[in-house]
Amino acid sequence: MTTTESPSPEAVAAQAARTIALQMLEERGRGAVLVGVARVDAALETMLQAVMAPGPSKGDGLFQPERPLGSLGAKVALAHRLGLIDDAVEHALGVLRRLRNAFAHSAESASLTDDTHRMRLEAVYLEVRANPLWGPLEAVLAAQPPSAHGPLDAALRDYILLITILVAFLEATAKQLKPVKPPVVMRFAGITKANDSQP
């Protein structure tokens, strides 16, 4: 009988990243920004759910709009405060949140090449280019034939790479997390060790 080793978290992230990058190629303009940030938001939610005790019911709504964790900003803040993401990732997610808001509320045609967006993203790209998947994924995107939208411009390519790496690594991190078990629990009977049976 042979045992097969599970792929490393990085290998899982790399495979997921390739799939995400190829899917993102179909988006352009406002759609690329909105779909990309929605993917990041969903992956961040999955990561937060991985460290939480299950809700009282499937529809408890903690992550629903107008609820405590219904906004991307609240999810980013909680993930950072729990130590699930570092300062650079928190900054990148904040930039994406502002970018999404600008694109969603712009009456005019917004572009990733607009000076404001380009400068914010360029600072993030300096950090994310250190990820070992950036180069290989860039090659995967470069090898794709032009889509019906035409060739892939550099601004969209870099944005797709950022989204891809964030989603893949948030999802890979979520798979390694378990619900937090605090050492003590506050009960009406007093503070007890978490593994003590309830009175």
N, C-alpha and C. Protein backbone atom coordinates (compact mmCIF):
# COMPACT_ATOMS: atom_id res chain seq x y z
N MET A 1 0.83 -1.16 0.00
CA MET A 1 0.00 0.00 0.00
C MET A 1 0.89 1.24 0.00
N THR A 2 0.62 2.14 -0.89
CA THR A 2 1.42 3.35 -0.97
C THR A 2 0.65 4.52 -0.38
N THR A 3 1.38 5.37 0.23
CA THR A 3 0.75 6.58 0.76
C THR A 3 1.15 7.73 -0.14
N THR A 4 0.18 8.52 -0.46
CA THR A 4 0.48 9.70 -1.27
C THR A 4 0.46 10.91 -0.35
N GLU A 5 1.48 11.69 -0.50
CA GLU A 5 1.57 12.90 0.31
C GLU A 5 0.64 13.96 -0.26
N SER A 6 0.06 14.71 0.62
CA SER A 6 -0.78 15.83 0.19
C SER A 6 0.13 16.89 -0.42
N PRO A 7 -0.37 17.56 -1.45
CA PRO A 7 0.46 18.63 -2.01
C PRO A 7 0.64 19.74 -0.97
N SER A 8 1.75 20.43 -1.07
CA SER A 8 2.03 21.52 -0.13
C SER A 8 1.00 22.64 -0.32
N PRO A 9 0.80 23.46 0.70
CA PRO A 9 -0.13 24.58 0.54
C PRO A 9 0.26 25.49 -0.63
N GLU A 10 1.56 25.64 -0.84
CA GLU A 10 2.02 26.47 -1.95
C GLU A 10 1.66 25.85 -3.29
N ALA A 11 1.73 24.51 -3.39
CA ALA A 11 1.36 23.84 -4.64
C ALA A 11 -0.13 23.96 -4.90
N VAL A 12 -0.92 23.84 -3.85
CA VAL A 12 -2.37 24.02 -3.98
C VAL A 12 -2.67 25.44 -4.43
N ALA A 13 -2.00 26.41 -3.82
CA ALA A 13 -2.20 27.81 -4.19
C ALA A 13 -1.79 28.05 -5.64
N ALA A 14 -0.70 27.43 -6.07
CA ALA A 14 -0.22 27.62 -7.44
C ALA A 14 -1.24 27.10 -8.46
N GLN A 15 -1.81 25.93 -8.20
CA GLN A 15 -2.80 25.37 -9.12
C GLN A 15 -4.06 26.24 -9.14
N ALA A 16 -4.51 26.65 -7.97
CA ALA A 16 -5.69 27.52 -7.90
C ALA A 16 -5.42 28.84 -8.60
N ALA A 17 -4.22 29.37 -8.42
CA ALA A 17 -3.86 30.65 -9.02
C ALA A 17 -3.93 30.59 -10.54
N ARG A 18 -3.44 29.51 -11.11
CA ARG A 18 -3.48 29.37 -12.57
C ARG A 18 -4.92 29.40 -13.08
N THR A 19 -5.80 28.66 -12.40
CA THR A 19 -7.20 28.61 -12.79
C THR A 19 -7.84 29.99 -12.68
N ILE A 20 -7.59 30.67 -11.58
CA ILE A 20 -8.17 32.00 -11.36
C ILE A 20 -7.67 32.98 -12.42
N ALA A 21 -6.38 32.96 -12.71
CA ALA A 21 -5.81 33.88 -13.70
C ALA A 21 -6.46 33.69 -15.06
N LEU A 22 -6.65 32.45 -15.46
CA LEU A 22 -7.25 32.19 -16.77
C LEU A 22 -8.71 32.62 -16.79
N GLN A 23 -9.42 32.46 -15.69
CA GLN A 23 -10.81 32.92 -15.62
C GLN A 23 -10.89 34.44 -15.69
N MET A 24 -9.96 35.11 -15.02
CA MET A 24 -9.97 36.57 -14.99
C MET A 24 -9.68 37.19 -16.35
N LEU A 25 -9.06 36.43 -17.25
CA LEU A 25 -8.76 36.96 -18.59
C LEU A 25 -10.02 37.37 -19.34
N GLU A 26 -11.15 36.80 -18.97
CA GLU A 26 -12.40 37.11 -19.67
C GLU A 26 -12.99 38.47 -19.28
N GLU A 27 -12.47 39.06 -18.23
CA GLU A 27 -13.02 40.33 -17.74
C GLU A 27 -12.18 41.51 -18.24
N ARG A 28 -12.83 42.63 -18.42
CA ARG A 28 -12.16 43.86 -18.82
C ARG A 28 -12.79 45.04 -18.09
N GLY A 29 -12.04 46.12 -17.97
CA GLY A 29 -12.56 47.37 -17.44
C GLY A 29 -13.18 47.25 -16.07
N ARG A 30 -14.34 47.89 -15.91
CA ARG A 30 -15.07 47.92 -14.64
C ARG A 30 -15.37 46.50 -14.17
N GLY A 31 -15.74 45.62 -15.10
CA GLY A 31 -16.05 44.23 -14.74
C GLY A 31 -14.87 43.51 -14.12
N ALA A 32 -13.68 43.74 -14.64
CA ALA A 32 -12.49 43.08 -14.10
C ALA A 32 -12.25 43.51 -12.66
N VAL A 33 -12.41 44.80 -12.39
CA VAL A 33 -12.19 45.31 -11.03
C VAL A 33 -13.25 44.76 -10.08
N LEU A 34 -14.51 44.85 -10.47
CA LEU A 34 -15.59 44.42 -9.58
C LEU A 34 -15.57 42.91 -9.34
N VAL A 35 -15.38 42.14 -10.39
CA VAL A 35 -15.32 40.68 -10.24
C VAL A 35 -14.09 40.28 -9.43
N GLY A 36 -12.96 40.91 -9.71
CA GLY A 36 -11.73 40.58 -8.99
C GLY A 36 -11.85 40.83 -7.50
N VAL A 37 -12.36 42.00 -7.12
CA VAL A 37 -12.48 42.31 -5.70
C VAL A 37 -13.54 41.42 -5.05
N ALA A 38 -14.59 41.08 -5.78
CA ALA A 38 -15.60 40.15 -5.23
C ALA A 38 -14.98 38.79 -4.94
N ARG A 39 -14.08 38.34 -5.81
CA ARG A 39 -13.38 37.06 -5.57
C ARG A 39 -12.51 37.14 -4.32
N VAL A 40 -11.81 38.26 -4.16
CA VAL A 40 -10.96 38.45 -2.98
C VAL A 40 -11.83 38.49 -1.72
N ASP A 41 -12.93 39.21 -1.78
CA ASP A 41 -13.85 39.33 -0.64
C ASP A 41 -14.35 37.94 -0.22
N ALA A 42 -14.76 37.12 -1.19
CA ALA A 42 -15.25 35.77 -0.88
C ALA A 42 -14.15 34.91 -0.27
N ALA A 43 -12.93 35.02 -0.78
CA ALA A 43 -11.81 34.23 -0.24
C ALA A 43 -11.47 34.67 1.18
N LEU A 44 -11.52 35.97 1.44
CA LEU A 44 -11.26 36.48 2.78
C LEU A 44 -12.34 36.00 3.75
N GLU A 45 -13.58 36.00 3.31
CA GLU A 45 -14.68 35.49 4.14
C GLU A 45 -14.47 34.02 4.48
N THR A 46 -14.06 33.23 3.50
CA THR A 46 -13.78 31.81 3.73
C THR A 46 -12.68 31.65 4.77
N MET A 47 -11.65 32.47 4.69
CA MET A 47 -10.56 32.39 5.65
C MET A 47 -11.05 32.73 7.06
N LEU A 48 -11.86 33.77 7.19
CA LEU A 48 -12.38 34.14 8.50
C LEU A 48 -13.30 33.05 9.06
N GLN A 49 -14.13 32.48 8.21
CA GLN A 49 -15.01 31.40 8.66
C GLN A 49 -14.22 30.20 9.15
N ALA A 50 -13.05 30.00 8.59
CA ALA A 50 -12.22 28.85 8.97
C ALA A 50 -11.75 28.94 10.42
N VAL A 51 -11.63 30.14 10.97
CA VAL A 51 -11.16 30.28 12.35
C VAL A 51 -12.30 30.50 13.34
N MET A 52 -13.52 30.56 12.84
CA MET A 52 -14.66 30.81 13.71
C MET A 52 -15.41 29.52 14.03
N ALA A 53 -16.02 29.50 15.20
CA ALA A 53 -16.92 28.41 15.52
C ALA A 53 -18.10 28.50 14.56
N PRO A 54 -18.69 27.37 14.20
CA PRO A 54 -19.85 27.43 13.30
C PRO A 54 -20.96 28.29 13.89
N GLY A 55 -21.68 28.98 13.03
CA GLY A 55 -22.81 29.80 13.48
C GLY A 55 -23.95 28.93 13.97
N PRO A 56 -24.91 29.55 14.65
CA PRO A 56 -26.03 28.79 15.19
C PRO A 56 -26.90 28.16 14.10
N SER A 57 -26.87 28.74 12.93
CA SER A 57 -27.62 28.18 11.80
C SER A 57 -26.93 28.62 10.52
N LYS A 58 -27.31 27.98 9.42
CA LYS A 58 -26.67 28.34 8.15
C LYS A 58 -26.95 29.79 7.78
N GLY A 59 -28.07 30.30 8.19
CA GLY A 59 -28.44 31.65 7.80
C GLY A 59 -28.27 32.66 8.91
N ASP A 60 -27.23 32.53 9.74
CA ASP A 60 -27.09 33.47 10.85
C ASP A 60 -26.70 34.87 10.39
N GLY A 61 -26.25 35.04 9.18
CA GLY A 61 -26.09 36.35 8.58
C GLY A 61 -24.92 37.21 9.02
N LEU A 62 -23.96 36.67 9.73
CA LEU A 62 -22.84 37.47 10.21
C LEU A 62 -22.12 38.19 9.07
N PHE A 63 -22.05 37.55 7.90
CA PHE A 63 -21.33 38.13 6.77
C PHE A 63 -22.27 38.80 5.76
N GLN A 64 -23.54 38.90 6.07
CA GLN A 64 -24.49 39.53 5.15
C GLN A 64 -24.30 41.05 5.16
N PRO A 65 -24.67 41.72 4.06
CA PRO A 65 -24.57 43.18 4.04
C PRO A 65 -25.33 43.78 5.23
N GLU A 66 -24.83 44.88 5.72
CA GLU A 66 -25.40 45.58 6.87
C GLU A 66 -25.27 44.82 8.19
N ARG A 67 -24.48 43.76 8.19
CA ARG A 67 -24.20 42.99 9.40
C ARG A 67 -22.75 43.27 9.80
N PRO A 68 -22.31 42.80 10.98
CA PRO A 68 -20.97 43.16 11.47
C PRO A 68 -19.83 42.89 10.49
N LEU A 69 -19.88 41.77 9.78
CA LEU A 69 -18.78 41.45 8.85
C LEU A 69 -19.26 41.46 7.40
N GLY A 70 -20.23 42.31 7.11
CA GLY A 70 -20.79 42.37 5.77
C GLY A 70 -19.98 43.19 4.79
N SER A 71 -19.04 43.97 5.28
CA SER A 71 -18.25 44.80 4.37
C SER A 71 -16.83 44.26 4.24
N LEU A 72 -16.23 44.53 3.11
CA LEU A 72 -14.85 44.12 2.89
C LEU A 72 -13.94 44.78 3.92
N GLY A 73 -14.18 46.04 4.23
CA GLY A 73 -13.34 46.75 5.20
C GLY A 73 -13.35 46.08 6.57
N ALA A 74 -14.53 45.64 7.02
CA ALA A 74 -14.63 44.97 8.32
C ALA A 74 -13.90 43.64 8.30
N LYS A 75 -14.00 42.91 7.19
CA LYS A 75 -13.31 41.61 7.08
C LYS A 75 -11.80 41.81 7.10
N VAL A 76 -11.33 42.82 6.39
CA VAL A 76 -9.89 43.10 6.35
C VAL A 76 -9.39 43.46 7.74
N ALA A 77 -10.12 44.34 8.42
CA ALA A 77 -9.71 44.76 9.76
C ALA A 77 -9.65 43.58 10.72
N LEU A 78 -10.67 42.72 10.69
CA LEU A 78 -10.68 41.57 11.59
C LEU A 78 -9.56 40.59 11.26
N ALA A 79 -9.37 40.30 9.99
CA ALA A 79 -8.30 39.37 9.59
C ALA A 79 -6.94 39.89 10.05
N HIS A 80 -6.72 41.18 9.93
CA HIS A 80 -5.45 41.76 10.35
C HIS A 80 -5.30 41.72 11.86
N ARG A 81 -6.35 42.08 12.58
CA ARG A 81 -6.29 42.08 14.05
C ARG A 81 -6.10 40.67 14.61
N LEU A 82 -6.62 39.66 13.90
CA LEU A 82 -6.42 38.27 14.33
C LEU A 82 -5.05 37.73 13.93
N GLY A 83 -4.30 38.50 13.16
CA GLY A 83 -2.98 38.06 12.72
C GLY A 83 -3.01 37.10 11.55
N LEU A 84 -4.13 37.06 10.83
CA LEU A 84 -4.26 36.15 9.69
C LEU A 84 -3.62 36.71 8.43
N ILE A 85 -3.49 38.03 8.36
CA ILE A 85 -2.83 38.68 7.22
C ILE A 85 -1.82 39.68 7.79
N ASP A 86 -0.76 39.93 7.03
CA ASP A 86 0.25 40.88 7.50
C ASP A 86 -0.08 42.29 7.02
N ASP A 87 0.77 43.24 7.39
CA ASP A 87 0.53 44.64 7.05
C ASP A 87 0.46 44.87 5.54
N ALA A 88 1.33 44.23 4.79
CA ALA A 88 1.35 44.43 3.33
C ALA A 88 0.07 43.93 2.69
N VAL A 89 -0.43 42.78 3.14
CA VAL A 89 -1.68 42.24 2.59
C VAL A 89 -2.85 43.14 3.01
N GLU A 90 -2.83 43.60 4.25
CA GLU A 90 -3.89 44.51 4.70
C GLU A 90 -3.90 45.76 3.82
N HIS A 91 -2.72 46.31 3.54
CA HIS A 91 -2.63 47.50 2.70
C HIS A 91 -3.18 47.21 1.30
N ALA A 92 -2.79 46.08 0.73
CA ALA A 92 -3.26 45.71 -0.61
C ALA A 92 -4.78 45.58 -0.64
N LEU A 93 -5.34 44.95 0.37
CA LEU A 93 -6.79 44.78 0.42
C LEU A 93 -7.49 46.13 0.58
N GLY A 94 -6.89 47.04 1.33
CA GLY A 94 -7.46 48.38 1.46
C GLY A 94 -7.44 49.13 0.14
N VAL A 95 -6.36 49.00 -0.60
CA VAL A 95 -6.27 49.63 -1.93
C VAL A 95 -7.34 49.04 -2.85
N LEU A 96 -7.51 47.73 -2.82
CA LEU A 96 -8.53 47.10 -3.66
C LEU A 96 -9.94 47.56 -3.28
N ARG A 97 -10.19 47.70 -2.00
CA ARG A 97 -11.51 48.16 -1.54
C ARG A 97 -11.79 49.57 -2.08
N ARG A 98 -10.80 50.46 -1.97
CA ARG A 98 -10.98 51.82 -2.49
C ARG A 98 -11.13 51.82 -4.02
N LEU A 99 -10.37 50.97 -4.69
CA LEU A 99 -10.47 50.85 -6.15
C LEU A 99 -11.86 50.38 -6.56
N ARG A 100 -12.35 49.34 -5.88
CA ARG A 100 -13.69 48.83 -6.18
C ARG A 100 -14.73 49.92 -5.99
N ASN A 101 -14.64 50.65 -4.88
CA ASN A 101 -15.61 51.72 -4.62
C ASN A 101 -15.55 52.80 -5.70
N ALA A 102 -14.35 53.16 -6.11
CA ALA A 102 -14.19 54.18 -7.15
C ALA A 102 -14.81 53.71 -8.47
N PHE A 103 -14.58 52.46 -8.83
CA PHE A 103 -15.12 51.93 -10.08
C PHE A 103 -16.63 51.75 -9.99
N ALA A 104 -17.12 51.31 -8.86
CA ALA A 104 -18.56 51.05 -8.71
C ALA A 104 -19.37 52.35 -8.72
N HIS A 105 -18.79 53.43 -8.21
CA HIS A 105 -19.55 54.68 -8.07
C HIS A 105 -19.19 55.72 -9.11
N SER A 106 -18.34 55.38 -10.06
CA SER A 106 -17.93 56.33 -11.08
C SER A 106 -18.96 56.38 -12.20
N ALA A 107 -19.43 57.58 -12.50
CA ALA A 107 -20.37 57.75 -13.61
C ALA A 107 -19.62 57.70 -14.94
N GLU A 108 -18.35 58.02 -14.88
CA GLU A 108 -17.52 58.01 -16.08
C GLU A 108 -16.80 56.68 -16.19
N SER A 109 -16.15 56.49 -17.30
CA SER A 109 -15.38 55.28 -17.51
C SER A 109 -14.09 55.34 -16.69
N ALA A 110 -13.98 54.49 -15.70
CA ALA A 110 -12.76 54.43 -14.88
C ALA A 110 -11.79 53.45 -15.52
N SER A 111 -10.51 53.67 -15.28
CA SER A 111 -9.49 52.82 -15.87
C SER A 111 -8.38 52.54 -14.86
N LEU A 112 -7.81 51.36 -14.95
CA LEU A 112 -6.68 51.01 -14.10
C LEU A 112 -5.46 51.88 -14.39
N THR A 113 -5.46 52.53 -15.55
CA THR A 113 -4.33 53.39 -15.91
C THR A 113 -4.52 54.84 -15.46
N ASP A 114 -5.69 55.17 -14.88
CA ASP A 114 -5.87 56.51 -14.31
C ASP A 114 -4.78 56.73 -13.26
N ASP A 115 -4.22 57.93 -13.23
CA ASP A 115 -3.08 58.20 -12.35
C ASP A 115 -3.31 57.79 -10.90
N THR A 116 -4.46 58.13 -10.34
CA THR A 116 -4.73 57.82 -8.93
C THR A 116 -4.68 56.32 -8.69
N HIS A 117 -5.38 55.56 -9.54
CA HIS A 117 -5.43 54.10 -9.37
C HIS A 117 -4.07 53.48 -9.66
N ARG A 118 -3.43 53.95 -10.72
CA ARG A 118 -2.14 53.38 -11.12
C ARG A 118 -1.10 53.54 -10.01
N MET A 119 -1.05 54.72 -9.39
CA MET A 119 -0.05 54.96 -8.35
C MET A 119 -0.32 54.10 -7.11
N ARG A 120 -1.57 53.99 -6.71
CA ARG A 120 -1.89 53.14 -5.55
C ARG A 120 -1.53 51.69 -5.82
N LEU A 121 -1.91 51.23 -7.01
CA LEU A 121 -1.65 49.82 -7.35
C LEU A 121 -0.16 49.56 -7.50
N GLU A 122 0.58 50.50 -8.05
CA GLU A 122 2.01 50.29 -8.25
C GLU A 122 2.72 50.01 -6.93
N ALA A 123 2.32 50.70 -5.87
CA ALA A 123 2.91 50.45 -4.54
C ALA A 123 2.60 49.03 -4.08
N VAL A 124 1.40 48.56 -4.37
CA VAL A 124 1.02 47.19 -4.00
C VAL A 124 1.79 46.18 -4.85
N TYR A 125 1.92 46.46 -6.14
CA TYR A 125 2.63 45.53 -7.03
C TYR A 125 4.08 45.34 -6.61
N LEU A 126 4.70 46.38 -6.07
CA LEU A 126 6.08 46.23 -5.59
C LEU A 126 6.17 45.13 -4.53
N GLU A 127 5.17 45.03 -3.68
CA GLU A 127 5.14 43.99 -2.64
C GLU A 127 4.80 42.63 -3.22
N VAL A 128 3.76 42.57 -4.03
CA VAL A 128 3.25 41.27 -4.49
C VAL A 128 4.18 40.62 -5.52
N ARG A 129 4.98 41.40 -6.20
CA ARG A 129 5.93 40.81 -7.16
C ARG A 129 6.94 39.90 -6.47
N ALA A 130 7.09 40.02 -5.16
CA ALA A 130 7.99 39.13 -4.41
C ALA A 130 7.41 37.73 -4.27
N ASN A 131 6.11 37.57 -4.54
CA ASN A 131 5.49 36.26 -4.44
C ASN A 131 6.07 35.35 -5.52
N PRO A 132 6.42 34.11 -5.17
CA PRO A 132 7.04 33.21 -6.15
C PRO A 132 6.14 32.85 -7.33
N LEU A 133 4.85 33.11 -7.24
CA LEU A 133 3.95 32.79 -8.36
C LEU A 133 3.86 33.90 -9.39
N TRP A 134 4.32 35.10 -9.06
CA TRP A 134 4.16 36.22 -9.99
C TRP A 134 4.78 35.90 -11.35
N GLY A 135 6.03 35.53 -11.39
CA GLY A 135 6.71 35.25 -12.66
C GLY A 135 6.06 34.13 -13.46
N PRO A 136 5.83 32.94 -12.87
CA PRO A 136 5.19 31.87 -13.62
C PRO A 136 3.79 32.23 -14.12
N LEU A 137 3.01 32.92 -13.30
CA LEU A 137 1.67 33.31 -13.74
C LEU A 137 1.72 34.36 -14.84
N GLU A 138 2.69 35.24 -14.75
CA GLU A 138 2.86 36.24 -15.80
C GLU A 138 3.15 35.53 -17.13
N ALA A 139 3.96 34.47 -17.08
CA ALA A 139 4.26 33.70 -18.29
C ALA A 139 3.01 32.99 -18.81
N VAL A 140 2.18 32.46 -17.90
CA VAL A 140 0.93 31.79 -18.31
C VAL A 140 0.03 32.78 -19.03
N LEU A 141 -0.11 33.98 -18.47
CA LEU A 141 -0.95 34.99 -19.11
C LEU A 141 -0.39 35.42 -20.46
N ALA A 142 0.93 35.57 -20.54
CA ALA A 142 1.56 35.99 -21.80
C ALA A 142 1.38 34.94 -22.89
N ALA A 143 1.28 33.68 -22.50
CA ALA A 143 1.15 32.59 -23.47
C ALA A 143 -0.27 32.43 -24.01
N GLN A 144 -1.23 33.13 -23.42
CA GLN A 144 -2.61 32.99 -23.86
C GLN A 144 -2.84 33.79 -25.14
N PRO A 145 -3.63 33.22 -26.06
CA PRO A 145 -3.95 34.00 -27.26
C PRO A 145 -4.84 35.19 -26.89
N PRO A 146 -4.81 36.23 -27.69
CA PRO A 146 -5.68 37.38 -27.40
C PRO A 146 -7.14 36.94 -27.33
N SER A 147 -7.88 37.54 -26.42
CA SER A 147 -9.30 37.20 -26.28
C SER A 147 -10.10 38.04 -27.26
N ALA A 148 -11.41 37.89 -27.20
CA ALA A 148 -12.29 38.69 -28.05
C ALA A 148 -12.16 40.17 -27.71
N HIS A 149 -11.66 40.47 -26.53
CA HIS A 149 -11.46 41.86 -26.10
C HIS A 149 -10.15 42.44 -26.62
N GLY A 150 -9.33 41.62 -27.27
CA GLY A 150 -8.05 42.09 -27.75
C GLY A 150 -6.92 41.64 -26.85
N PRO A 151 -5.70 42.11 -27.11
CA PRO A 151 -4.55 41.69 -26.30
C PRO A 151 -4.66 42.24 -24.87
N LEU A 152 -3.97 41.58 -23.99
CA LEU A 152 -3.98 41.95 -22.57
C LEU A 152 -2.99 43.09 -22.33
N ASP A 153 -3.48 44.22 -21.82
CA ASP A 153 -2.55 45.33 -21.54
C ASP A 153 -1.88 45.11 -20.19
N ALA A 154 -0.76 45.79 -19.98
CA ALA A 154 0.06 45.58 -18.77
C ALA A 154 -0.69 45.92 -17.49
N ALA A 155 -1.52 46.97 -17.51
CA ALA A 155 -2.25 47.37 -16.29
C ALA A 155 -3.22 46.27 -15.86
N LEU A 156 -3.94 45.71 -16.82
CA LEU A 156 -4.89 44.64 -16.48
C LEU A 156 -4.15 43.36 -16.11
N ARG A 157 -3.05 43.08 -16.80
CA ARG A 157 -2.26 41.89 -16.48
C ARG A 157 -1.79 41.93 -15.02
N ASP A 158 -1.23 43.05 -14.61
CA ASP A 158 -0.75 43.16 -13.23
C ASP A 158 -1.89 43.07 -12.23
N TYR A 159 -3.04 43.66 -12.56
CA TYR A 159 -4.21 43.58 -11.68
C TYR A 159 -4.67 42.12 -11.55
N ILE A 160 -4.73 41.41 -12.66
CA ILE A 160 -5.13 40.00 -12.63
C ILE A 160 -4.15 39.20 -11.78
N LEU A 161 -2.87 39.47 -11.91
CA LEU A 161 -1.87 38.75 -11.10
C LEU A 161 -2.06 39.03 -9.62
N LEU A 162 -2.33 40.28 -9.26
CA LEU A 162 -2.58 40.64 -7.86
C LEU A 162 -3.79 39.89 -7.32
N ILE A 163 -4.90 39.95 -8.04
CA ILE A 163 -6.13 39.27 -7.60
C ILE A 163 -5.89 37.78 -7.48
N THR A 164 -5.25 37.22 -8.48
CA THR A 164 -5.00 35.78 -8.51
C THR A 164 -4.18 35.32 -7.31
N ILE A 165 -3.12 36.02 -7.03
CA ILE A 165 -2.25 35.64 -5.90
C ILE A 165 -2.98 35.81 -4.58
N LEU A 166 -3.71 36.91 -4.42
CA LEU A 166 -4.46 37.10 -3.18
C LEU A 166 -5.49 35.99 -2.97
N VAL A 167 -6.30 35.72 -3.98
CA VAL A 167 -7.35 34.70 -3.84
C VAL A 167 -6.74 33.33 -3.57
N ALA A 168 -5.74 32.96 -4.34
CA ALA A 168 -5.13 31.63 -4.18
C ALA A 168 -4.53 31.46 -2.79
N PHE A 169 -3.84 32.47 -2.29
CA PHE A 169 -3.20 32.34 -0.98
C PHE A 169 -4.19 32.49 0.17
N LEU A 170 -5.22 33.31 0.02
CA LEU A 170 -6.26 33.38 1.05
C LEU A 170 -6.96 32.02 1.17
N GLU A 171 -7.28 31.43 0.02
CA GLU A 171 -7.96 30.12 0.04
C GLU A 171 -7.04 29.03 0.59
N ALA A 172 -5.77 29.05 0.20
CA ALA A 172 -4.83 28.03 0.71
C ALA A 172 -4.63 28.19 2.21
N THR A 173 -4.59 29.43 2.68
CA THR A 173 -4.47 29.67 4.12
C THR A 173 -5.70 29.16 4.85
N ALA A 174 -6.88 29.41 4.30
CA ALA A 174 -8.13 28.97 4.93
C ALA A 174 -8.15 27.46 5.12
N LYS A 175 -7.60 26.73 4.16
CA LYS A 175 -7.59 25.26 4.25
C LYS A 175 -6.71 24.76 5.39
N GLN A 176 -5.78 25.57 5.84
CA GLN A 176 -4.87 25.16 6.92
C GLN A 176 -5.35 25.62 8.30
N LEU A 177 -6.38 26.42 8.35
CA LEU A 177 -6.85 26.97 9.62
C LEU A 177 -7.91 26.09 10.27
N LYS A 178 -8.00 26.20 11.57
CA LYS A 178 -9.03 25.52 12.35
C LYS A 178 -9.71 26.56 13.24
N PRO A 179 -10.94 26.28 13.66
CA PRO A 179 -11.60 27.24 14.56
C PRO A 179 -10.77 27.50 15.82
N VAL A 180 -10.72 28.75 16.22
CA VAL A 180 -9.99 29.16 17.41
C VAL A 180 -10.69 28.58 18.64
N LYS A 181 -9.89 28.03 19.54
CA LYS A 181 -10.44 27.51 20.79
C LYS A 181 -9.79 28.30 21.92
N PRO A 182 -10.52 29.27 22.48
CA PRO A 182 -9.93 30.08 23.54
C PRO A 182 -9.67 29.23 24.78
N PRO A 183 -8.66 29.60 25.55
CA PRO A 183 -8.34 28.81 26.74
C PRO A 183 -9.39 28.91 27.84
N VAL A 184 -10.11 30.03 27.87
CA VAL A 184 -11.17 30.19 28.87
C VAL A 184 -12.44 30.70 28.20
N VAL A 185 -13.56 30.44 28.87
CA VAL A 185 -14.86 30.88 28.36
C VAL A 185 -15.60 31.59 29.49
N MET A 186 -16.21 32.71 29.19
CA MET A 186 -17.02 33.40 30.17
C MET A 186 -18.41 32.77 30.16
N ARG A 187 -18.84 32.34 31.31
CA ARG A 187 -20.19 31.79 31.47
C ARG A 187 -20.85 32.55 32.61
N PHE A 188 -22.16 32.43 32.75
CA PHE A 188 -22.83 33.09 33.86
C PHE A 188 -22.38 32.52 35.20
N ALA A 189 -21.93 31.28 35.18
CA ALA A 189 -21.44 30.66 36.41
C ALA A 189 -20.03 31.11 36.74
N GLY A 190 -19.39 31.80 35.81
CA GLY A 190 -18.03 32.27 36.02
C GLY A 190 -17.16 32.00 34.82
N ILE A 191 -15.89 32.26 34.97
CA ILE A 191 -14.93 32.01 33.90
C ILE A 191 -14.36 30.62 34.11
N THR A 192 -14.46 29.80 33.07
CA THR A 192 -13.99 28.42 33.18
C THR A 192 -13.06 28.11 32.03
N LYS A 193 -12.30 27.06 32.21
CA LYS A 193 -11.46 26.59 31.10
C LYS A 193 -12.39 26.13 29.99
N ALA A 194 -11.98 26.36 28.78
CA ALA A 194 -12.83 26.07 27.63
C ALA A 194 -13.22 24.61 27.54
N ASN A 195 -12.35 23.71 27.99
CA ASN A 195 -12.66 22.29 27.86
C ASN A 195 -13.46 21.74 29.04
N ASP A 196 -13.72 22.57 30.06
CA ASP A 196 -14.57 22.14 31.17
C ASP A 196 -16.01 22.02 30.68
N SER A 197 -16.71 21.04 31.19
CA SER A 197 -18.11 20.90 30.78
C SER A 197 -18.92 22.04 31.40
N GLN A 198 -19.95 22.43 30.69
CA GLN A 198 -20.79 23.52 31.18
C GLN A 198 -21.59 23.07 32.39
N PRO A 199 -21.78 23.95 33.39
CA PRO A 199 -22.58 23.60 34.56
C PRO A 199 -24.04 23.54 34.20
